[in-house]
Amino acid sequence: MDEKQYKKIVLAYSGGLDTSVIIPWLKETYGAEEIIAVCGDVGQGKETDGLVKKGLASGASKVFVEDLTKPFVEDFIWPTLQAGAEYEGVYLLGTAFARPLIARRLVEIAEREGAEAICHGATGKGNDQVRFETTIRAFAPDMPIIAPWRIWDIRSREEEIEYAARHGIEVPVTKENNYSRDRNIWHLSHEGSDLEDPWNEPREDLLMICNTPEQAPDRVTYCEIGFEKGIPVSVDGKKLGAVELLTRVNELGAENGVGVDDLVENRLVGMKSRGVYENPGGRILYTAHKALEMITLDKATMHYKELVAQKFADLVYDGMWYSPLREALSAFVTKTQETVTGTVRLKLYKGNCTHVGIRSPYSLYQEEYATFSADDVYDHKDAAGFITLYSLPLRIRAQALRGRKDS
């Protein structure tokens, strides 16, 4: 363990189990006189209620609750949506792209407050330790970083609960309800406890945002999402700001049981991990955006962008939001979105979300070319010459192989 003493430490603070017990632990271990607790509010709702009082009661000298929701949506969620990035084809990166924003704010406050170190509560098994620390290194390369889970004697969440009890700290979990959760305006994740066995079906009371399909209404809900240059700007014809729009589609998705994903993912640190994610608004917006791109992007751009989306997702998942490559890929994505403007009509029903209508002033779909009825724009005879040239390499290869067999 690092025996260096730090008088002033900035802590990434959520008020959850880990960061609550870290405050007294930092004082005991490093002789810290000031613990500055910083909560990045990225839309976790009521979780921030009473956080200042709670942090001070746990021993923090200052508690900052920073409202980052608007930049989170506009500067992180929308660019990732435009990219169409889904980690391993499912995960909508809700935790992954929130960490860089929070970590950068930690650095800014640490520099302003004259802190000597930054601390986070991410475990040594998880991805968040990487996401926090790569961002801190990007903006404060020489700042000492404390990661208690890598060095303290506590070995489980059960032991953390016991530690909190000994120090008179109230925590929002019990040994019976011991899920690890992360919430923001984009998603809510659930890990740990009975979910650690992938054979176990999630408990009926696990979900905190979405209805289950069984609970969802026995009726279809239609909605229309309007986009400008790949960014959602309206719901059912009503223009909304970024936060208001995402809040509205979250409500629509949650009511209809849309956006619940249960997956076993490959963590950056090498192991597989099972999680259940609630992404009601995210799944609606991804479905709509993908549909709109079908009629506004040409084939070559659309197919190449699919490759970029996978790499983009890997970079975000791996904590490399501020890397030159991610920024370069975003520049490519921004160019592709110049014509991704239009409206998508969606059908929501008991966990399902499908597009049922698409229109755009930049649509590349032309009915007079695609129709099976008579038309005056397409000469079927032109296809013969095209196929002759397109298949020429195969014809030449076949002739060469036949010649070898005959010799």
Protein backbone atom coordinates (compact mmCIF):
# COMPACT_ATOMS: atom_id res chain seq x y z
CA MET A 1 0.00 0.00 0.00
CA ASP A 2 1.13 3.57 -0.73
CA GLU A 3 2.17 4.97 2.67
CA LYS A 4 2.22 8.58 1.46
CA GLN A 5 -0.05 10.92 3.41
CA TYR A 6 -2.45 13.30 1.70
CA LYS A 7 -4.08 16.18 3.53
CA LYS A 8 -6.71 16.92 0.86
CA ILE A 9 -8.33 14.30 -1.38
CA VAL A 10 -11.11 14.62 -3.96
CA LEU A 11 -13.44 11.61 -3.99
CA ALA A 12 -15.81 10.54 -6.76
CA TYR A 13 -18.91 10.26 -4.57
CA SER A 14 -22.28 8.66 -5.25
CA GLY A 15 -23.59 8.12 -1.75
CA GLY A 16 -23.67 4.39 -2.40
CA LEU A 17 -22.06 1.66 -0.37
CA ASP A 18 -18.52 1.91 -1.75
CA THR A 19 -18.02 5.66 -1.60
CA SER A 20 -19.76 6.00 1.76
CA VAL A 21 -17.28 3.74 3.53
CA ILE A 22 -14.33 5.16 1.60
CA ILE A 23 -14.57 8.53 3.38
CA PRO A 24 -13.62 7.27 6.88
CA TRP A 25 -11.21 4.78 5.33
CA LEU A 26 -9.27 7.58 3.59
CA LYS A 27 -8.95 9.44 6.87
CA GLU A 28 -7.72 6.35 8.69
CA THR A 29 -5.32 5.27 5.96
CA TYR A 30 -3.87 8.52 4.64
CA GLY A 31 -4.42 10.89 7.54
CA ALA A 32 -6.53 13.08 5.27
CA GLU A 33 -7.81 16.24 6.89
CA GLU A 34 -10.18 17.13 4.06
CA ILE A 35 -12.22 14.79 1.89
CA ILE A 36 -13.96 16.70 -0.90
CA ALA A 37 -16.81 14.54 -2.17
CA VAL A 38 -17.88 15.22 -5.74
CA CYS A 39 -21.04 13.78 -7.25
CA GLY A 40 -21.51 14.13 -10.98
CA ASP A 41 -25.26 14.44 -11.49
CA VAL A 42 -25.85 12.81 -14.88
CA GLY A 43 -29.55 12.34 -14.34
CA GLN A 44 -29.74 9.79 -11.54
CA GLY A 45 -32.85 11.47 -10.21
CA LYS A 46 -33.72 11.20 -6.53
CA GLU A 47 -30.41 9.49 -5.77
CA THR A 48 -28.87 12.94 -5.34
CA ASP A 49 -31.50 14.03 -2.79
CA GLY A 50 -29.90 14.65 0.57
CA LEU A 51 -26.47 13.76 -0.79
CA VAL A 52 -24.74 16.82 0.63
CA LYS A 53 -26.07 16.11 4.12
CA LYS A 54 -25.20 12.44 3.83
CA GLY A 55 -21.65 13.12 2.63
CA LEU A 56 -20.98 15.56 5.44
CA ALA A 57 -22.40 13.08 7.96
CA SER A 58 -19.99 10.45 6.62
CA GLY A 59 -17.04 12.75 7.27
CA ALA A 60 -16.56 14.77 4.10
CA SER A 61 -15.44 18.38 4.55
CA LYS A 62 -17.19 19.53 1.37
CA VAL A 63 -19.74 17.93 -0.95
CA PHE A 64 -20.30 19.17 -4.49
CA VAL A 65 -23.23 17.93 -6.58
CA GLU A 66 -22.40 18.97 -10.13
CA ASP A 67 -25.27 19.15 -12.64
CA LEU A 68 -23.78 17.50 -15.74
CA THR A 69 -26.97 16.11 -17.26
CA LYS A 70 -27.22 18.46 -20.25
CA PRO A 71 -23.59 18.05 -21.39
CA PHE A 72 -23.89 14.33 -20.75
CA VAL A 73 -26.77 14.04 -23.22
CA GLU A 74 -25.50 16.50 -25.81
CA ASP A 75 -21.77 15.76 -25.76
CA PHE A 76 -21.68 12.04 -24.97
CA ILE A 77 -25.02 10.33 -25.62
CA TRP A 78 -25.89 12.03 -28.90
CA PRO A 79 -22.47 11.46 -30.55
CA THR A 80 -22.59 7.78 -29.53
CA LEU A 81 -26.13 7.47 -30.85
CA GLN A 82 -25.06 9.08 -34.13
CA ALA A 83 -22.28 6.51 -34.36
CA GLY A 84 -24.76 3.68 -33.74
CA ALA A 85 -22.28 2.23 -31.24
CA GLU A 86 -23.44 -0.77 -29.20
CA TYR A 87 -20.84 -2.78 -27.30
CA GLU A 88 -21.00 -6.41 -28.42
CA GLY A 89 -24.17 -5.58 -30.33
CA VAL A 90 -26.33 -5.02 -27.23
CA TYR A 91 -24.93 -2.75 -24.51
CA LEU A 92 -25.79 0.92 -25.04
CA LEU A 93 -22.77 2.10 -23.00
CA GLY A 94 -24.73 3.85 -20.26
CA THR A 95 -22.06 3.59 -17.57
CA ALA A 96 -19.13 3.68 -19.96
CA PHE A 97 -19.63 7.14 -21.41
CA ALA A 98 -20.73 8.73 -18.14
CA ARG A 99 -17.39 8.05 -16.42
CA PRO A 100 -15.16 10.24 -18.62
CA LEU A 101 -17.41 13.26 -18.08
CA ILE A 102 -17.43 12.74 -14.31
CA ALA A 103 -13.69 12.09 -14.16
CA ARG A 104 -12.87 15.26 -16.07
CA ARG A 105 -14.96 17.24 -13.59
CA LEU A 106 -13.07 15.57 -10.73
CA VAL A 107 -9.82 16.86 -12.20
CA GLU A 108 -11.20 20.38 -12.57
CA ILE A 109 -12.36 20.48 -8.94
CA ALA A 110 -9.16 18.88 -7.65
CA GLU A 111 -7.11 21.57 -9.38
CA ARG A 112 -9.40 24.34 -8.15
CA GLU A 113 -9.38 23.07 -4.56
CA GLY A 114 -5.67 22.29 -4.46
CA ALA A 115 -6.20 18.58 -3.78
CA GLU A 116 -3.20 16.26 -3.60
CA ALA A 117 -4.95 13.13 -4.88
CA ILE A 118 -8.12 11.84 -6.50
CA CYS A 119 -9.95 8.74 -5.24
CA HIS A 120 -12.60 6.57 -6.87
CA GLY A 121 -14.61 3.59 -5.60
CA ALA A 122 -14.38 1.35 -8.66
CA THR A 123 -13.43 -2.25 -7.98
CA GLY A 124 -10.26 -3.95 -9.15
CA LYS A 125 -12.35 -6.37 -11.21
CA GLY A 126 -14.35 -3.80 -13.14
CA ASN A 127 -14.10 -1.50 -16.12
CA ASP A 128 -14.78 1.75 -14.28
CA GLN A 129 -11.32 1.89 -12.72
CA VAL A 130 -9.90 2.10 -16.22
CA ARG A 131 -12.44 4.68 -17.38
CA PHE A 132 -11.82 6.97 -14.41
CA GLU A 133 -8.06 6.69 -14.49
CA THR A 134 -7.50 7.05 -18.23
CA THR A 135 -9.46 10.30 -18.15
CA ILE A 136 -7.62 11.58 -15.08
CA ARG A 137 -4.31 10.77 -16.78
CA ALA A 138 -5.47 12.60 -19.91
CA PHE A 139 -6.02 15.86 -18.02
CA ALA A 140 -3.80 15.56 -14.91
CA PRO A 141 -1.01 13.15 -15.88
CA ASP A 142 0.86 13.49 -12.58
CA MET A 143 -2.10 13.41 -10.19
CA PRO A 144 -1.90 10.54 -7.65
CA ILE A 145 -4.92 8.23 -7.86
CA ILE A 146 -6.24 6.17 -4.96
CA ALA A 147 -8.30 3.06 -5.71
CA PRO A 148 -9.24 1.51 -2.33
CA TRP A 149 -10.61 -1.72 -3.78
CA ARG A 150 -7.12 -2.56 -5.04
CA ILE A 151 -5.41 -2.04 -1.71
CA TRP A 152 -7.71 -2.27 1.31
CA ASP A 153 -8.47 -5.37 3.39
CA ILE A 154 -12.21 -5.37 2.62
CA ARG A 155 -12.94 -8.26 0.27
CA SER A 156 -16.71 -8.18 -0.33
CA ARG A 157 -19.78 -5.99 -0.27
CA GLU A 158 -20.90 -7.89 2.83
CA GLU A 159 -17.73 -6.76 4.63
CA GLU A 160 -18.35 -3.20 3.43
CA ILE A 161 -21.80 -3.28 5.01
CA GLU A 162 -20.26 -4.44 8.29
CA TYR A 163 -17.58 -1.70 8.08
CA ALA A 164 -20.28 0.93 7.54
CA ALA A 165 -22.24 -0.34 10.53
CA ARG A 166 -19.15 -0.12 12.77
CA HIS A 167 -18.64 3.50 11.71
CA GLY A 168 -22.28 4.50 12.05
CA ILE A 169 -22.73 5.15 8.32
CA GLU A 170 -26.11 4.58 6.70
CA VAL A 171 -25.89 2.81 3.34
CA PRO A 172 -28.64 2.10 0.76
CA VAL A 173 -28.14 -1.69 0.63
CA THR A 174 -28.50 -4.69 2.89
CA LYS A 175 -27.09 -8.19 2.75
CA GLU A 176 -30.45 -9.31 1.36
CA ASN A 177 -30.67 -6.60 -1.33
CA ASN A 178 -27.10 -6.43 -2.47
CA TYR A 179 -27.16 -5.49 -6.16
CA SER A 180 -24.55 -3.18 -7.59
CA ARG A 181 -26.43 -0.53 -9.55
CA ASP A 182 -25.53 2.47 -11.67
CA ARG A 183 -28.15 4.95 -12.77
CA ASN A 184 -28.23 7.98 -15.01
CA ILE A 185 -30.66 9.58 -17.44
CA TRP A 186 -29.70 7.02 -20.12
CA HIS A 187 -29.86 3.74 -18.20
CA LEU A 188 -29.97 1.72 -15.01
CA SER A 189 -27.65 -1.26 -14.64
CA HIS A 190 -27.98 -4.19 -12.24
CA GLU A 191 -25.11 -6.54 -11.36
CA GLY A 192 -24.16 -8.96 -8.60
CA SER A 193 -26.18 -11.02 -6.12
CA ASP A 194 -28.29 -13.73 -7.82
CA LEU A 195 -27.45 -12.31 -11.28
CA GLU A 196 -23.93 -13.71 -10.94
CA ASP A 197 -25.33 -17.08 -12.01
CA PRO A 198 -26.37 -16.66 -15.67
CA TRP A 199 -28.84 -19.54 -15.25
CA ASN A 200 -30.94 -17.41 -12.90
CA GLU A 201 -33.79 -15.51 -14.45
CA PRO A 202 -33.87 -11.92 -13.12
CA ARG A 203 -36.24 -11.58 -10.19
CA GLU A 204 -39.64 -10.02 -10.84
CA ASP A 205 -38.81 -7.10 -8.55
CA LEU A 206 -35.39 -6.36 -10.11
CA LEU A 207 -36.48 -3.69 -12.61
CA MET A 208 -36.80 -0.18 -11.20
CA ILE A 209 -37.65 1.80 -14.36
CA CYS A 210 -39.30 -0.45 -16.92
CA ASN A 211 -42.43 -2.53 -16.81
CA THR A 212 -41.95 -6.16 -17.64
CA PRO A 213 -43.71 -7.28 -20.85
CA GLU A 214 -46.37 -8.87 -18.66
CA GLN A 215 -46.95 -5.57 -16.83
CA ALA A 216 -46.99 -3.44 -20.00
CA PRO A 217 -50.33 -2.24 -21.38
CA ASP A 218 -52.35 -4.58 -23.61
CA ARG A 219 -52.40 -1.97 -26.36
CA VAL A 220 -50.06 -0.63 -28.98
CA THR A 221 -48.37 2.76 -28.51
CA TYR A 222 -47.19 4.73 -31.53
CA CYS A 223 -44.68 7.56 -31.39
CA GLU A 224 -42.76 9.65 -33.89
CA ILE A 225 -39.14 10.74 -33.40
CA GLY A 226 -37.80 13.63 -35.47
CA PHE A 227 -34.07 13.94 -36.25
CA GLU A 228 -31.84 16.70 -37.55
CA LYS A 229 -28.39 15.58 -38.70
CA GLY A 230 -28.67 12.39 -36.67
CA ILE A 231 -29.70 14.12 -33.44
CA PRO A 232 -33.21 13.58 -32.04
CA VAL A 233 -35.04 16.88 -31.77
CA SER A 234 -38.76 16.11 -31.45
CA VAL A 235 -41.29 13.59 -30.13
CA ASP A 236 -44.68 13.38 -31.84
CA GLY A 237 -44.02 16.63 -33.66
CA LYS A 238 -43.11 18.60 -30.53
CA LYS A 239 -39.63 20.13 -30.41
CA LEU A 240 -37.84 19.36 -27.16
CA GLY A 241 -34.46 20.09 -25.63
CA ALA A 242 -32.03 17.20 -25.21
CA VAL A 243 -32.82 16.40 -21.57
CA GLU A 244 -36.58 16.86 -22.00
CA LEU A 245 -36.64 14.67 -25.11
CA LEU A 246 -34.73 11.82 -23.50
CA THR A 247 -36.95 12.04 -20.43
CA ARG A 248 -40.04 11.74 -22.61
CA VAL A 249 -38.86 8.72 -24.61
CA ASN A 250 -37.73 7.09 -21.38
CA GLU A 251 -41.32 7.37 -20.15
CA LEU A 252 -42.70 5.88 -23.36
CA GLY A 253 -40.25 3.00 -23.36
CA ALA A 254 -40.58 2.22 -19.65
CA GLU A 255 -44.37 2.07 -19.80
CA ASN A 256 -44.24 -0.41 -22.68
CA GLY A 257 -41.44 -2.58 -21.28
CA VAL A 258 -38.98 -1.55 -24.00
CA GLY A 259 -35.21 -1.59 -23.56
CA VAL A 260 -34.43 -4.31 -21.02
CA ASP A 261 -31.22 -6.14 -21.98
CA ASP A 262 -29.79 -9.16 -20.16
CA LEU A 263 -26.26 -9.94 -21.31
CA VAL A 264 -22.97 -11.55 -20.41
CA GLU A 265 -20.30 -9.14 -21.63
CA ASN A 266 -16.54 -9.30 -22.00
CA ARG A 267 -14.98 -6.88 -19.56
CA LEU A 268 -11.83 -4.99 -20.44
CA VAL A 269 -9.98 -6.68 -17.56
CA GLY A 270 -10.48 -10.10 -19.13
CA MET A 271 -13.42 -11.74 -17.39
CA LYS A 272 -17.04 -12.15 -18.40
CA SER A 273 -19.72 -10.35 -16.40
CA ARG A 274 -23.50 -10.65 -16.39
CA GLY A 275 -25.65 -7.54 -16.15
CA VAL A 276 -29.22 -6.46 -16.71
CA TYR A 277 -29.66 -3.02 -18.24
CA GLU A 278 -32.74 -0.83 -18.47
CA ASN A 279 -32.49 1.48 -21.50
CA PRO A 280 -36.09 2.41 -22.40
CA GLY A 281 -35.43 5.66 -24.22
CA GLY A 282 -32.11 4.51 -25.58
CA ARG A 283 -33.58 1.49 -27.34
CA ILE A 284 -36.28 3.64 -28.93
CA LEU A 285 -33.78 6.20 -30.19
CA TYR A 286 -31.33 3.60 -31.50
CA THR A 287 -34.13 1.83 -33.36
CA ALA A 288 -35.35 5.09 -34.88
CA HIS A 289 -31.89 6.35 -35.81
CA LYS A 290 -30.93 3.09 -37.52
CA ALA A 291 -34.17 3.13 -39.50
CA LEU A 292 -33.59 6.69 -40.69
CA GLU A 293 -30.06 5.86 -41.82
CA MET A 294 -31.48 3.06 -44.00
CA ILE A 295 -33.00 5.61 -46.37
CA THR A 296 -30.49 8.46 -46.04
CA LEU A 297 -27.06 6.78 -46.29
CA ASP A 298 -25.64 5.24 -49.44
CA LYS A 299 -24.55 1.60 -49.34
CA ALA A 300 -20.79 2.18 -49.10
CA THR A 301 -21.08 4.75 -46.31
CA MET A 302 -23.64 2.71 -44.39
CA HIS A 303 -21.57 -0.48 -44.49
CA TYR A 304 -18.32 1.26 -43.57
CA LYS A 305 -20.06 3.11 -40.75
CA GLU A 306 -21.06 -0.26 -39.28
CA LEU A 307 -17.36 -1.08 -38.92
CA VAL A 308 -16.71 2.30 -37.35
CA ALA A 309 -19.60 1.77 -34.91
CA GLN A 310 -18.01 -1.37 -33.54
CA LYS A 311 -14.63 0.28 -33.03
CA PHE A 312 -16.31 3.35 -31.54
CA ALA A 313 -18.16 1.15 -29.04
CA ASP A 314 -14.94 -0.66 -28.06
CA LEU A 315 -13.14 2.64 -27.44
CA VAL A 316 -15.96 4.02 -25.30
CA TYR A 317 -16.32 0.79 -23.34
CA ASP A 318 -12.56 0.69 -22.75
CA GLY A 319 -12.41 4.21 -21.32
CA MET A 320 -10.79 5.89 -24.33
CA TRP A 321 -13.35 8.63 -24.89
CA TYR A 322 -10.67 11.32 -24.94
CA SER A 323 -8.37 9.40 -27.27
CA PRO A 324 -7.39 10.87 -30.67
CA LEU A 325 -8.92 7.88 -32.43
CA ARG A 326 -12.35 8.31 -30.82
CA GLU A 327 -12.29 12.00 -31.76
CA ALA A 328 -11.28 11.14 -35.32
CA LEU A 329 -14.07 8.57 -35.61
CA SER A 330 -16.54 11.15 -34.33
CA ALA A 331 -15.42 13.52 -37.09
CA PHE A 332 -16.22 10.79 -39.63
CA VAL A 333 -19.58 10.10 -38.00
CA THR A 334 -20.50 13.80 -37.99
CA LYS A 335 -19.88 13.95 -41.75
CA THR A 336 -22.12 10.92 -42.35
CA GLN A 337 -24.96 12.54 -40.40
CA GLU A 338 -25.34 15.61 -42.63
CA THR A 339 -28.38 14.07 -44.37
CA VAL A 340 -29.75 11.97 -41.49
CA THR A 341 -32.74 14.24 -41.07
CA GLY A 342 -36.34 13.13 -41.02
CA THR A 343 -39.02 11.40 -38.98
CA VAL A 344 -39.46 7.79 -37.87
CA ARG A 345 -42.74 6.32 -36.66
CA LEU A 346 -42.36 3.55 -34.08
CA LYS A 347 -44.64 0.89 -32.70
CA LEU A 348 -44.19 -0.06 -29.02
CA TYR A 349 -45.82 -3.14 -27.58
CA LYS A 350 -44.91 -5.32 -24.59
CA GLY A 351 -41.14 -5.03 -24.81
CA ASN A 352 -40.99 -4.72 -28.60
CA CYS A 353 -39.94 -1.61 -30.49
CA THR A 354 -40.14 -1.60 -34.28
CA HIS A 355 -40.16 1.13 -36.91
CA VAL A 356 -43.29 1.25 -39.05
CA GLY A 357 -42.70 4.42 -41.05
CA ILE A 358 -39.73 6.48 -42.27
CA ARG A 359 -39.54 9.73 -44.20
CA SER A 360 -36.77 12.19 -45.01
CA PRO A 361 -36.19 15.09 -47.40
CA TYR A 362 -32.84 13.41 -48.16
CA SER A 363 -34.25 9.95 -48.80
CA LEU A 364 -32.29 7.87 -51.30
CA TYR A 365 -35.22 5.51 -51.66
CA GLN A 366 -37.04 6.25 -54.91
CA GLU A 367 -40.27 4.36 -55.44
CA GLU A 368 -40.15 4.74 -59.22
CA TYR A 369 -36.87 2.79 -59.29
CA ALA A 370 -37.80 0.18 -56.69
CA THR A 371 -41.36 -0.55 -57.83
CA PHE A 372 -42.40 -3.91 -59.27
CA SER A 373 -45.01 -2.09 -61.32
CA ALA A 374 -44.35 -0.50 -64.70
CA ASP A 375 -41.95 2.44 -64.71
CA ASP A 376 -40.25 4.80 -67.15
CA VAL A 377 -36.87 5.23 -65.39
CA TYR A 378 -35.28 1.77 -65.33
CA ASP A 379 -34.29 -0.25 -68.41
CA HIS A 380 -34.05 -3.92 -67.42
CA LYS A 381 -31.72 -4.56 -70.36
CA ASP A 382 -29.00 -2.49 -68.63
CA ALA A 383 -28.64 -5.22 -66.00
CA ALA A 384 -27.16 -7.66 -68.53
CA GLY A 385 -24.03 -5.61 -69.18
CA PHE A 386 -23.62 -4.85 -65.50
CA ILE A 387 -23.76 -8.53 -64.56
CA THR A 388 -21.32 -9.45 -67.33
CA LEU A 389 -18.67 -7.05 -65.97
CA TYR A 390 -19.49 -7.72 -62.31
CA SER A 391 -19.05 -11.47 -62.74
CA LEU A 392 -16.01 -11.21 -65.04
CA PRO A 393 -13.45 -12.16 -62.33
CA LEU A 394 -15.41 -15.33 -61.54
CA ARG A 395 -15.69 -16.18 -65.24
CA ILE A 396 -11.96 -15.76 -65.80
CA ARG A 397 -11.16 -17.85 -62.71
CA ALA A 398 -13.50 -20.63 -63.85
CA GLN A 399 -11.85 -20.67 -67.30
CA ALA A 400 -8.39 -20.86 -65.72
CA LEU A 401 -9.36 -23.73 -63.42
CA ARG A 402 -10.98 -25.62 -66.32
CA GLY A 403 -7.84 -25.17 -68.39
CA ARG A 404 -5.71 -26.75 -65.65
CA LYS A 405 -8.04 -29.72 -65.40
CA ASP A 406 -7.93 -30.23 -69.18
CA SER A 407 -4.13 -30.10 -69.35
